[in-house]
Amino acid sequence: MDDSAQLRTIEQMFSELFSTPYKTHITGGADEPFYRAAATSQECHLLYYRGDYPASALHEIAHWCIAGEQRRQLDDFGYWYEPGERSAERQRQFETAEVAPQALEWLFSRACGRCFQLSVDNFALDNRPPTYFAKAVFHQLQEWLASKTLPKRGALFADNLAKQMLPAGQVQRLMDSCAYTLQDLLVEECVA
């Protein structure tokens, strides 16, 4: 399945599961990802992903799936974003905030049969994740899978994506913690 077809499936699945109960729509083509909270109760929230990239859509959906009710009432869920080069301290803050979303994005990527690559999103670095960041993301996903405590909307989205996009034999393996290794994150993972 090419990127365009995957994006159609990702958007359709998000819409089917979340548009009505959460009054949230997803759309691509943005220069930068952004979540615009509805200004009134009659409006819908808008989740924008960058360009026409499935990885960006999955990443933004991961943030949305983790955000609680209060954060979903704030533009960009109330988080700061500092593009470009960050200081070492700001980079550590960024990575701390990105552990859970990137762990969930990894699951979503697998549900789509896509490769996943961690991102440190800092132009001052070579974009290879430091080992401590990869370990934190790995352990977060392992903890969720082992304890069956994935964020509720994230689990629902991943399960429905997998049923739509993976061969039947691979769907059950999606939630198997043994299917994910730290080594996958330390190299450019490609299990598709």
N, C-alpha and C. Protein backbone atom coordinates (compact mmCIF):
# COMPACT_ATOMS: atom_id res chain seq x y z
N MET A 1 0.86 -1.17 0.00
CA MET A 1 0.00 0.00 0.00
C MET A 1 0.91 1.24 0.00
N ASP A 2 0.69 2.16 -0.93
CA ASP A 2 1.53 3.36 -1.00
C ASP A 2 1.10 4.37 0.07
N ASP A 3 1.92 5.44 0.22
CA ASP A 3 1.65 6.44 1.26
C ASP A 3 0.27 7.08 1.15
N SER A 4 -0.15 7.40 -0.06
CA SER A 4 -1.45 8.04 -0.24
C SER A 4 -2.59 7.13 0.23
N ALA A 5 -2.51 5.86 -0.13
CA ALA A 5 -3.55 4.91 0.29
C ALA A 5 -3.50 4.72 1.81
N GLN A 6 -2.30 4.66 2.37
CA GLN A 6 -2.20 4.54 3.83
C GLN A 6 -2.80 5.75 4.53
N LEU A 7 -2.50 6.93 4.01
CA LEU A 7 -3.05 8.14 4.63
C LEU A 7 -4.57 8.16 4.57
N ARG A 8 -5.13 7.72 3.46
CA ARG A 8 -6.59 7.66 3.36
C ARG A 8 -7.16 6.72 4.43
N THR A 9 -6.50 5.58 4.61
CA THR A 9 -6.95 4.62 5.61
C THR A 9 -6.78 5.19 7.02
N ILE A 10 -5.65 5.82 7.29
CA ILE A 10 -5.39 6.41 8.60
C ILE A 10 -6.44 7.48 8.91
N GLU A 11 -6.68 8.39 7.97
CA GLU A 11 -7.67 9.45 8.18
C GLU A 11 -9.07 8.87 8.34
N GLN A 12 -9.41 7.90 7.51
CA GLN A 12 -10.75 7.30 7.59
C GLN A 12 -10.94 6.60 8.94
N MET A 13 -9.92 5.87 9.39
CA MET A 13 -10.03 5.17 10.67
C MET A 13 -10.17 6.16 11.82
N PHE A 14 -9.37 7.23 11.79
CA PHE A 14 -9.46 8.24 12.83
C PHE A 14 -10.86 8.85 12.84
N SER A 15 -11.35 9.17 11.65
CA SER A 15 -12.69 9.77 11.53
C SER A 15 -13.77 8.85 12.06
N GLU A 16 -13.71 7.58 11.66
CA GLU A 16 -14.73 6.62 12.11
C GLU A 16 -14.74 6.45 13.62
N LEU A 17 -13.57 6.45 14.21
CA LEU A 17 -13.48 6.19 15.65
C LEU A 17 -13.68 7.43 16.52
N PHE A 18 -13.21 8.59 16.04
CA PHE A 18 -13.09 9.73 16.95
C PHE A 18 -13.80 11.02 16.53
N SER A 19 -14.16 11.16 15.27
CA SER A 19 -14.74 12.44 14.83
C SER A 19 -16.01 12.80 15.58
N THR A 20 -16.93 11.88 15.71
CA THR A 20 -18.19 12.20 16.37
C THR A 20 -18.05 12.28 17.89
N PRO A 21 -17.52 11.26 18.55
CA PRO A 21 -17.49 11.35 20.01
C PRO A 21 -16.55 12.43 20.56
N TYR A 22 -15.51 12.78 19.82
CA TYR A 22 -14.53 13.75 20.31
C TYR A 22 -14.51 15.04 19.50
N LYS A 23 -15.40 15.13 18.51
CA LYS A 23 -15.48 16.34 17.67
C LYS A 23 -14.09 16.78 17.20
N THR A 24 -13.36 15.83 16.63
CA THR A 24 -12.00 16.08 16.17
C THR A 24 -11.83 15.55 14.76
N HIS A 25 -11.22 16.36 13.92
CA HIS A 25 -10.93 15.96 12.54
C HIS A 25 -9.42 16.03 12.32
N ILE A 26 -8.92 15.19 11.42
CA ILE A 26 -7.50 15.19 11.08
C ILE A 26 -7.35 15.55 9.61
N THR A 27 -6.31 16.32 9.32
CA THR A 27 -6.06 16.72 7.93
C THR A 27 -4.57 16.93 7.71
N GLY A 28 -4.13 16.63 6.51
CA GLY A 28 -2.72 16.78 6.15
C GLY A 28 -2.47 18.07 5.39
N GLY A 29 -1.28 18.16 4.84
CA GLY A 29 -0.91 19.29 4.02
C GLY A 29 -0.36 20.48 4.78
N ALA A 30 -0.20 20.37 6.09
CA ALA A 30 0.29 21.51 6.87
C ALA A 30 1.81 21.64 6.74
N ASP A 31 2.29 22.88 6.85
CA ASP A 31 3.73 23.11 6.85
C ASP A 31 4.36 22.55 8.12
N GLU A 32 3.63 22.64 9.21
CA GLU A 32 4.06 22.09 10.50
C GLU A 32 2.87 21.44 11.16
N PRO A 33 3.08 20.38 11.91
CA PRO A 33 1.96 19.75 12.62
C PRO A 33 1.43 20.71 13.68
N PHE A 34 0.12 20.62 13.93
CA PHE A 34 -0.48 21.51 14.92
C PHE A 34 -1.86 20.97 15.30
N TYR A 35 -2.20 21.13 16.56
CA TYR A 35 -3.54 20.79 17.03
C TYR A 35 -4.23 22.09 17.40
N ARG A 36 -5.33 22.38 16.72
CA ARG A 36 -6.10 23.59 17.01
C ARG A 36 -7.35 23.18 17.76
N ALA A 37 -7.38 23.57 19.01
CA ALA A 37 -8.55 23.28 19.84
C ALA A 37 -9.71 24.14 19.37
N ALA A 38 -10.90 23.59 19.43
CA ALA A 38 -12.11 24.33 19.04
C ALA A 38 -12.28 25.55 19.97
N ALA A 39 -12.67 26.67 19.38
CA ALA A 39 -12.87 27.89 20.16
C ALA A 39 -14.24 27.90 20.85
N THR A 40 -15.20 27.16 20.26
CA THR A 40 -16.54 27.09 20.85
C THR A 40 -17.00 25.64 20.86
N SER A 41 -18.05 25.37 21.59
CA SER A 41 -18.56 23.99 21.66
C SER A 41 -19.23 23.55 20.35
N GLN A 42 -19.52 24.49 19.46
CA GLN A 42 -20.11 24.14 18.17
C GLN A 42 -19.05 23.77 17.13
N GLU A 43 -17.81 24.15 17.36
CA GLU A 43 -16.72 23.88 16.42
C GLU A 43 -16.10 22.51 16.70
N CYS A 44 -15.32 22.06 15.72
CA CYS A 44 -14.55 20.82 15.89
C CYS A 44 -13.08 21.16 16.11
N HIS A 45 -12.40 20.30 16.84
CA HIS A 45 -10.96 20.40 17.00
C HIS A 45 -10.33 19.93 15.69
N LEU A 46 -9.18 20.49 15.34
CA LEU A 46 -8.49 20.10 14.11
C LEU A 46 -7.07 19.65 14.42
N LEU A 47 -6.72 18.47 13.94
CA LEU A 47 -5.40 17.90 14.12
C LEU A 47 -4.73 17.90 12.75
N TYR A 48 -3.70 18.74 12.62
CA TYR A 48 -3.00 18.87 11.34
C TYR A 48 -1.69 18.08 11.39
N TYR A 49 -1.41 17.37 10.32
CA TYR A 49 -0.10 16.71 10.22
C TYR A 49 0.65 17.30 9.04
N ARG A 50 1.96 17.10 9.05
CA ARG A 50 2.84 17.74 8.08
C ARG A 50 2.74 17.07 6.71
N GLY A 51 2.58 17.93 5.71
CA GLY A 51 2.60 17.49 4.32
C GLY A 51 1.67 16.32 4.06
N ASP A 52 2.22 15.33 3.42
CA ASP A 52 1.47 14.10 3.13
C ASP A 52 2.26 12.90 3.63
N TYR A 53 2.72 13.02 4.87
CA TYR A 53 3.57 12.00 5.47
C TYR A 53 2.79 11.15 6.47
N PRO A 54 2.67 9.85 6.22
CA PRO A 54 2.00 8.99 7.19
C PRO A 54 2.64 9.04 8.57
N ALA A 55 3.97 9.11 8.63
CA ALA A 55 4.64 9.16 9.94
C ALA A 55 4.20 10.38 10.73
N SER A 56 4.03 11.51 10.08
CA SER A 56 3.58 12.72 10.77
C SER A 56 2.15 12.54 11.27
N ALA A 57 1.30 11.96 10.44
CA ALA A 57 -0.10 11.72 10.87
C ALA A 57 -0.12 10.80 12.08
N LEU A 58 0.64 9.72 12.04
CA LEU A 58 0.65 8.77 13.16
C LEU A 58 1.22 9.41 14.43
N HIS A 59 2.22 10.25 14.27
CA HIS A 59 2.81 10.91 15.43
C HIS A 59 1.82 11.87 16.08
N GLU A 60 1.14 12.66 15.26
CA GLU A 60 0.16 13.61 15.81
C GLU A 60 -1.02 12.88 16.45
N ILE A 61 -1.44 11.79 15.86
CA ILE A 61 -2.51 10.99 16.45
C ILE A 61 -2.06 10.43 17.79
N ALA A 62 -0.80 10.01 17.88
CA ALA A 62 -0.27 9.50 19.15
C ALA A 62 -0.36 10.58 20.23
N HIS A 63 0.04 11.80 19.90
CA HIS A 63 -0.08 12.90 20.87
C HIS A 63 -1.55 13.07 21.29
N TRP A 64 -2.44 13.03 20.31
CA TRP A 64 -3.87 13.22 20.60
C TRP A 64 -4.40 12.10 21.49
N CYS A 65 -3.99 10.87 21.21
CA CYS A 65 -4.47 9.72 21.99
C CYS A 65 -4.00 9.77 23.44
N ILE A 66 -2.89 10.40 23.70
CA ILE A 66 -2.34 10.49 25.05
C ILE A 66 -2.93 11.68 25.81
N ALA A 67 -3.24 12.74 25.08
CA ALA A 67 -3.73 13.97 25.73
C ALA A 67 -5.05 13.73 26.45
N GLY A 68 -5.13 14.19 27.67
CA GLY A 68 -6.36 14.10 28.44
C GLY A 68 -7.36 15.17 28.02
N GLU A 69 -8.52 15.15 28.63
CA GLU A 69 -9.61 16.07 28.29
C GLU A 69 -9.16 17.53 28.38
N GLN A 70 -8.48 17.91 29.44
CA GLN A 70 -8.05 19.30 29.60
C GLN A 70 -7.05 19.71 28.54
N ARG A 71 -6.09 18.85 28.26
CA ARG A 71 -5.08 19.19 27.24
C ARG A 71 -5.71 19.29 25.85
N ARG A 72 -6.75 18.51 25.58
CA ARG A 72 -7.41 18.58 24.27
C ARG A 72 -8.20 19.87 24.09
N GLN A 73 -8.32 20.67 25.13
CA GLN A 73 -8.99 21.96 25.03
C GLN A 73 -7.99 23.10 24.75
N LEU A 74 -6.71 22.76 24.63
CA LEU A 74 -5.64 23.75 24.43
C LEU A 74 -4.97 23.55 23.08
N ASP A 75 -4.67 24.64 22.40
CA ASP A 75 -3.90 24.54 21.16
C ASP A 75 -2.60 23.79 21.45
N ASP A 76 -2.26 22.90 20.53
CA ASP A 76 -1.08 22.04 20.65
C ASP A 76 -0.99 21.36 22.02
N PHE A 77 -2.15 21.09 22.58
CA PHE A 77 -2.29 20.39 23.86
C PHE A 77 -1.58 21.12 25.00
N GLY A 78 -1.29 22.41 24.79
CA GLY A 78 -0.64 23.21 25.83
C GLY A 78 0.86 23.00 25.92
N TYR A 79 1.44 22.26 24.98
CA TYR A 79 2.88 22.03 25.00
C TYR A 79 3.62 23.12 24.25
N TRP A 80 4.87 23.29 24.56
CA TRP A 80 5.74 24.20 23.83
C TRP A 80 6.42 23.41 22.71
N TYR A 81 6.78 24.06 21.68
CA TYR A 81 7.59 23.43 20.64
C TYR A 81 8.61 24.44 20.19
N GLU A 82 9.83 24.02 20.16
CA GLU A 82 10.94 24.87 19.76
C GLU A 82 11.60 24.23 18.55
N PRO A 83 11.32 24.74 17.36
CA PRO A 83 11.91 24.13 16.16
C PRO A 83 13.39 24.46 16.03
N GLY A 84 14.03 23.72 15.15
CA GLY A 84 15.43 24.01 14.86
C GLY A 84 16.36 23.46 15.92
N GLU A 85 17.41 24.22 16.20
CA GLU A 85 18.42 23.78 17.15
C GLU A 85 17.99 24.12 18.57
N ARG A 86 18.12 23.15 19.48
CA ARG A 86 17.78 23.35 20.88
C ARG A 86 19.04 23.20 21.74
N SER A 87 19.03 23.86 22.88
CA SER A 87 20.11 23.66 23.84
C SER A 87 20.01 22.23 24.36
N ALA A 88 21.06 21.78 25.03
CA ALA A 88 21.06 20.42 25.59
C ALA A 88 19.93 20.27 26.59
N GLU A 89 19.69 21.29 27.42
CA GLU A 89 18.62 21.22 28.41
C GLU A 89 17.25 21.15 27.75
N ARG A 90 17.01 22.00 26.75
CA ARG A 90 15.72 21.98 26.04
C ARG A 90 15.55 20.67 25.29
N GLN A 91 16.63 20.10 24.78
CA GLN A 91 16.55 18.82 24.08
C GLN A 91 16.13 17.72 25.04
N ARG A 92 16.68 17.71 26.24
CA ARG A 92 16.28 16.71 27.24
C ARG A 92 14.80 16.87 27.59
N GLN A 93 14.33 18.12 27.70
CA GLN A 93 12.91 18.36 27.99
C GLN A 93 12.05 17.84 26.84
N PHE A 94 12.48 18.11 25.62
CA PHE A 94 11.76 17.63 24.44
C PHE A 94 11.67 16.11 24.46
N GLU A 95 12.80 15.45 24.68
CA GLU A 95 12.83 13.99 24.66
C GLU A 95 11.96 13.40 25.77
N THR A 96 11.96 14.01 26.93
CA THR A 96 11.10 13.54 28.03
C THR A 96 9.64 13.60 27.62
N ALA A 97 9.25 14.70 26.97
CA ALA A 97 7.85 14.85 26.53
C ALA A 97 7.51 13.93 25.37
N GLU A 98 8.51 13.44 24.66
CA GLU A 98 8.28 12.63 23.46
C GLU A 98 8.30 11.12 23.70
N VAL A 99 8.67 10.67 24.88
CA VAL A 99 8.77 9.22 25.14
C VAL A 99 7.44 8.52 24.85
N ALA A 100 6.38 8.94 25.50
CA ALA A 100 5.09 8.26 25.33
C ALA A 100 4.55 8.40 23.90
N PRO A 101 4.53 9.61 23.31
CA PRO A 101 4.02 9.70 21.94
C PRO A 101 4.81 8.85 20.94
N GLN A 102 6.13 8.80 21.09
CA GLN A 102 6.90 8.01 20.13
C GLN A 102 6.74 6.52 20.38
N ALA A 103 6.51 6.12 21.62
CA ALA A 103 6.22 4.70 21.89
C ALA A 103 4.91 4.31 21.22
N LEU A 104 3.91 5.16 21.34
CA LEU A 104 2.62 4.88 20.72
C LEU A 104 2.70 4.97 19.20
N GLU A 105 3.47 5.90 18.68
CA GLU A 105 3.67 6.00 17.23
C GLU A 105 4.33 4.73 16.69
N TRP A 106 5.25 4.15 17.45
CA TRP A 106 5.91 2.90 17.06
C TRP A 106 4.85 1.80 16.89
N LEU A 107 3.95 1.71 17.83
CA LEU A 107 2.86 0.74 17.74
C LEU A 107 1.99 1.01 16.52
N PHE A 108 1.62 2.27 16.30
CA PHE A 108 0.80 2.64 15.14
C PHE A 108 1.51 2.30 13.84
N SER A 109 2.81 2.57 13.79
CA SER A 109 3.58 2.27 12.58
C SER A 109 3.54 0.77 12.28
N ARG A 110 3.71 -0.02 13.30
CA ARG A 110 3.64 -1.47 13.12
C ARG A 110 2.23 -1.88 12.68
N ALA A 111 1.21 -1.22 13.22
CA ALA A 111 -0.18 -1.54 12.85
C ALA A 111 -0.43 -1.26 11.37
N CYS A 112 0.34 -0.36 10.81
CA CYS A 112 0.22 -0.03 9.38
C CYS A 112 1.19 -0.82 8.51
N GLY A 113 2.05 -1.62 9.15
CA GLY A 113 3.07 -2.33 8.39
C GLY A 113 4.17 -1.41 7.92
N ARG A 114 4.38 -0.32 8.65
CA ARG A 114 5.38 0.68 8.26
C ARG A 114 6.63 0.57 9.12
N CYS A 115 7.71 1.07 8.58
CA CYS A 115 8.94 1.21 9.35
C CYS A 115 8.76 2.35 10.34
N PHE A 116 9.49 2.29 11.44
CA PHE A 116 9.46 3.36 12.43
C PHE A 116 10.88 3.77 12.75
N GLN A 117 11.07 5.08 12.86
CA GLN A 117 12.38 5.60 13.26
C GLN A 117 12.15 6.67 14.31
N LEU A 118 12.81 6.53 15.44
CA LEU A 118 12.74 7.56 16.47
C LEU A 118 13.23 8.88 15.91
N SER A 119 12.72 9.96 16.45
CA SER A 119 13.16 11.27 16.01
C SER A 119 13.52 12.13 17.21
N VAL A 120 14.71 12.73 17.15
CA VAL A 120 15.09 13.70 18.17
C VAL A 120 14.75 15.11 17.71
N ASP A 121 14.37 15.26 16.44
CA ASP A 121 13.86 16.51 15.89
C ASP A 121 14.71 17.72 16.28
N ASN A 122 16.01 17.62 16.06
CA ASN A 122 16.91 18.72 16.39
C ASN A 122 17.95 18.81 15.29
N PHE A 123 17.93 19.93 14.59
CA PHE A 123 18.83 20.10 13.46
C PHE A 123 20.30 20.19 13.87
N ALA A 124 20.57 20.43 15.15
CA ALA A 124 21.95 20.50 15.63
C ALA A 124 22.54 19.10 15.83
N LEU A 125 21.67 18.09 15.84
CA LEU A 125 22.12 16.71 16.03
C LEU A 125 22.03 15.97 14.70
N ASP A 126 22.58 14.77 14.67
CA ASP A 126 22.51 13.99 13.43
C ASP A 126 21.21 13.20 13.32
N ASN A 127 20.27 13.44 14.24
CA ASN A 127 18.94 12.84 14.30
C ASN A 127 18.96 11.36 14.66
N ARG A 128 20.11 10.83 15.04
CA ARG A 128 20.14 9.48 15.60
C ARG A 128 19.78 9.59 17.07
N PRO A 129 18.86 8.79 17.53
CA PRO A 129 18.45 8.92 18.93
C PRO A 129 19.54 8.46 19.88
N PRO A 130 19.74 9.19 20.97
CA PRO A 130 20.67 8.70 21.97
C PRO A 130 20.11 7.42 22.60
N THR A 131 20.99 6.58 23.07
CA THR A 131 20.58 5.29 23.62
C THR A 131 19.59 5.46 24.77
N TYR A 132 19.81 6.45 25.64
CA TYR A 132 18.89 6.61 26.78
C TYR A 132 17.48 6.94 26.30
N PHE A 133 17.34 7.70 25.22
CA PHE A 133 16.02 8.04 24.69
C PHE A 133 15.37 6.78 24.09
N ALA A 134 16.14 6.04 23.31
CA ALA A 134 15.62 4.79 22.73
C ALA A 134 15.18 3.83 23.83
N LYS A 135 15.97 3.72 24.89
CA LYS A 135 15.61 2.84 26.01
C LYS A 135 14.31 3.30 26.67
N ALA A 136 14.15 4.59 26.85
CA ALA A 136 12.94 5.11 27.50
C ALA A 136 11.71 4.80 26.66
N VAL A 137 11.79 4.98 25.33
CA VAL A 137 10.67 4.69 24.44
C VAL A 137 10.38 3.19 24.46
N PHE A 138 11.42 2.39 24.35
CA PHE A 138 11.26 0.93 24.38
C PHE A 138 10.57 0.49 25.68
N HIS A 139 11.07 0.97 26.80
CA HIS A 139 10.50 0.56 28.09
C HIS A 139 9.05 1.03 28.25
N GLN A 140 8.73 2.20 27.72
CA GLN A 140 7.35 2.68 27.81
C GLN A 140 6.41 1.74 27.06
N LEU A 141 6.77 1.38 25.83
CA LEU A 141 5.91 0.48 25.06
C LEU A 141 5.84 -0.90 25.73
N GLN A 142 6.97 -1.39 26.20
CA GLN A 142 6.99 -2.69 26.88
C GLN A 142 6.07 -2.67 28.11
N GLU A 143 6.14 -1.60 28.89
CA GLU A 143 5.30 -1.49 30.09
C GLU A 143 3.82 -1.50 29.72
N TRP A 144 3.45 -0.71 28.72
CA TRP A 144 2.05 -0.66 28.29
C TRP A 144 1.57 -2.03 27.83
N LEU A 145 2.37 -2.70 27.00
CA LEU A 145 1.95 -3.99 26.45
C LEU A 145 1.90 -5.07 27.51
N ALA A 146 2.91 -5.12 28.36
CA ALA A 146 2.96 -6.16 29.39
C ALA A 146 1.83 -6.01 30.41
N SER A 147 1.49 -4.77 30.75
CA SER A 147 0.45 -4.54 31.75
C SER A 147 -0.93 -4.31 31.14
N LYS A 148 -0.97 -4.34 29.80
CA LYS A 148 -2.22 -4.09 29.07
C LYS A 148 -2.85 -2.75 29.48
N THR A 149 -1.99 -1.71 29.53
CA THR A 149 -2.43 -0.38 29.94
C THR A 149 -2.16 0.68 28.87
N LEU A 150 -2.20 0.26 27.62
CA LEU A 150 -2.06 1.25 26.55
C LEU A 150 -3.12 2.34 26.74
N PRO A 151 -2.80 3.58 26.36
CA PRO A 151 -3.86 4.59 26.39
C PRO A 151 -5.07 4.07 25.60
N LYS A 152 -6.24 4.23 26.17
CA LYS A 152 -7.46 3.61 25.64
C LYS A 152 -7.70 3.94 24.16
N ARG A 153 -7.64 5.21 23.80
CA ARG A 153 -7.87 5.59 22.40
C ARG A 153 -6.74 5.07 21.51
N GLY A 154 -5.52 5.02 22.04
CA GLY A 154 -4.39 4.49 21.28
C GLY A 154 -4.55 3.01 20.98
N ALA A 155 -4.99 2.25 21.97
CA ALA A 155 -5.20 0.82 21.77
C ALA A 155 -6.30 0.57 20.73
N LEU A 156 -7.38 1.33 20.83
CA LEU A 156 -8.49 1.21 19.88
C LEU A 156 -8.03 1.53 18.46
N PHE A 157 -7.29 2.62 18.31
CA PHE A 157 -6.81 3.04 17.00
C PHE A 157 -5.85 2.00 16.42
N ALA A 158 -4.89 1.54 17.22
CA ALA A 158 -3.91 0.56 16.74
C ALA A 158 -4.58 -0.74 16.32
N ASP A 159 -5.51 -1.21 17.14
CA ASP A 159 -6.20 -2.46 16.84
C ASP A 159 -6.99 -2.35 15.53
N ASN A 160 -7.71 -1.26 15.35
CA ASN A 160 -8.50 -1.09 14.13
C ASN A 160 -7.62 -0.88 12.90
N LEU A 161 -6.52 -0.15 13.06
CA LEU A 161 -5.58 0.01 11.94
C LEU A 161 -5.03 -1.34 11.52
N ALA A 162 -4.59 -2.12 12.50
CA ALA A 162 -3.99 -3.42 12.20
C ALA A 162 -4.97 -4.33 11.47
N LYS A 163 -6.21 -4.35 11.92
CA LYS A 163 -7.22 -5.20 11.27
C LYS A 163 -7.47 -4.76 9.83
N GLN A 164 -7.28 -3.49 9.56
CA GLN A 164 -7.49 -2.95 8.22
C GLN A 164 -6.26 -3.11 7.33
N MET A 165 -5.06 -3.04 7.93
CA MET A 165 -3.85 -2.90 7.13
C MET A 165 -2.87 -4.07 7.19
N LEU A 166 -3.03 -4.97 8.13
CA LEU A 166 -2.08 -6.08 8.26
C LEU A 166 -2.71 -7.41 7.85
N PRO A 167 -1.89 -8.35 7.38
CA PRO A 167 -2.40 -9.70 7.16
C PRO A 167 -2.88 -10.27 8.50
N ALA A 168 -3.89 -11.09 8.47
CA ALA A 168 -4.53 -11.62 9.68
C ALA A 168 -3.53 -12.20 10.67
N GLY A 169 -2.53 -12.90 10.21
CA GLY A 169 -1.56 -13.52 11.09
C GLY A 169 -0.70 -12.54 11.87
N GLN A 170 -0.59 -11.32 11.39
CA GLN A 170 0.25 -10.33 12.06
C GLN A 170 -0.52 -9.47 13.05
N VAL A 171 -1.82 -9.47 12.98
CA VAL A 171 -2.63 -8.61 13.85
C VAL A 171 -2.42 -8.98 15.31
N GLN A 172 -2.47 -10.26 15.63
CA GLN A 172 -2.33 -10.69 17.01
C GLN A 172 -0.96 -10.36 17.57
N ARG A 173 0.06 -10.41 16.74
CA ARG A 173 1.44 -10.13 17.17
C ARG A 173 1.65 -8.65 17.51
N LEU A 174 0.80 -7.79 17.04
CA LEU A 174 0.95 -6.35 17.27
C LEU A 174 1.05 -6.03 18.75
N MET A 175 0.27 -6.68 19.59
CA MET A 175 0.24 -6.38 21.02
C MET A 175 1.15 -7.30 21.84
N ASP A 176 2.03 -8.03 21.16
CA ASP A 176 2.98 -8.93 21.82
C ASP A 176 4.26 -8.16 22.12
N SER A 177 4.57 -7.98 23.39
CA SER A 177 5.75 -7.19 23.76
C SER A 177 7.05 -7.80 23.22
N CYS A 178 7.05 -9.10 22.97
CA CYS A 178 8.25 -9.76 22.43
C CYS A 178 8.54 -9.36 20.98
N ALA A 179 7.56 -8.77 20.32
CA ALA A 179 7.73 -8.36 18.92
C ALA A 179 8.52 -7.05 18.78
N TYR A 180 8.84 -6.42 19.91
CA TYR A 180 9.52 -5.13 19.90
C TYR A 180 10.84 -5.26 20.66
N THR A 181 11.91 -4.82 20.04
CA THR A 181 13.22 -4.90 20.69
C THR A 181 13.89 -3.53 20.72
N LEU A 182 14.76 -3.35 21.68
CA LEU A 182 15.53 -2.11 21.76
C LEU A 182 16.39 -1.95 20.51
N GLN A 183 16.89 -3.04 20.00
CA GLN A 183 17.72 -2.99 18.80
C GLN A 183 16.95 -2.38 17.62
N ASP A 184 15.64 -2.63 17.56
CA ASP A 184 14.81 -2.03 16.49
C ASP A 184 14.94 -0.51 16.49
N LEU A 185 15.05 0.07 17.68
CA LEU A 185 15.10 1.53 17.78
C LEU A 185 16.50 2.09 17.60
N LEU A 186 17.50 1.28 17.83
CA LEU A 186 18.89 1.75 17.73
C LEU A 186 19.41 1.69 16.31
N VAL A 187 18.68 0.98 15.46
CA VAL A 187 18.99 0.95 14.03
C VAL A 187 17.75 1.44 13.32
N GLU A 188 17.83 1.69 12.05
CA GLU A 188 16.65 2.10 11.31
C GLU A 188 15.77 0.89 11.13
N GLU A 189 14.74 0.80 11.97
CA GLU A 189 13.83 -0.35 11.95
C GLU A 189 13.08 -0.40 10.62
N CYS A 190 12.97 -1.59 10.09
CA CYS A 190 12.11 -1.77 8.93
C CYS A 190 11.60 -3.19 8.95
N VAL A 191 10.37 -3.32 9.44
CA VAL A 191 9.78 -4.65 9.53
C VAL A 191 8.67 -4.84 8.51
N ALA A 192 8.47 -3.84 7.68
CA ALA A 192 7.38 -3.90 6.71
C ALA A 192 7.65 -4.94 5.66
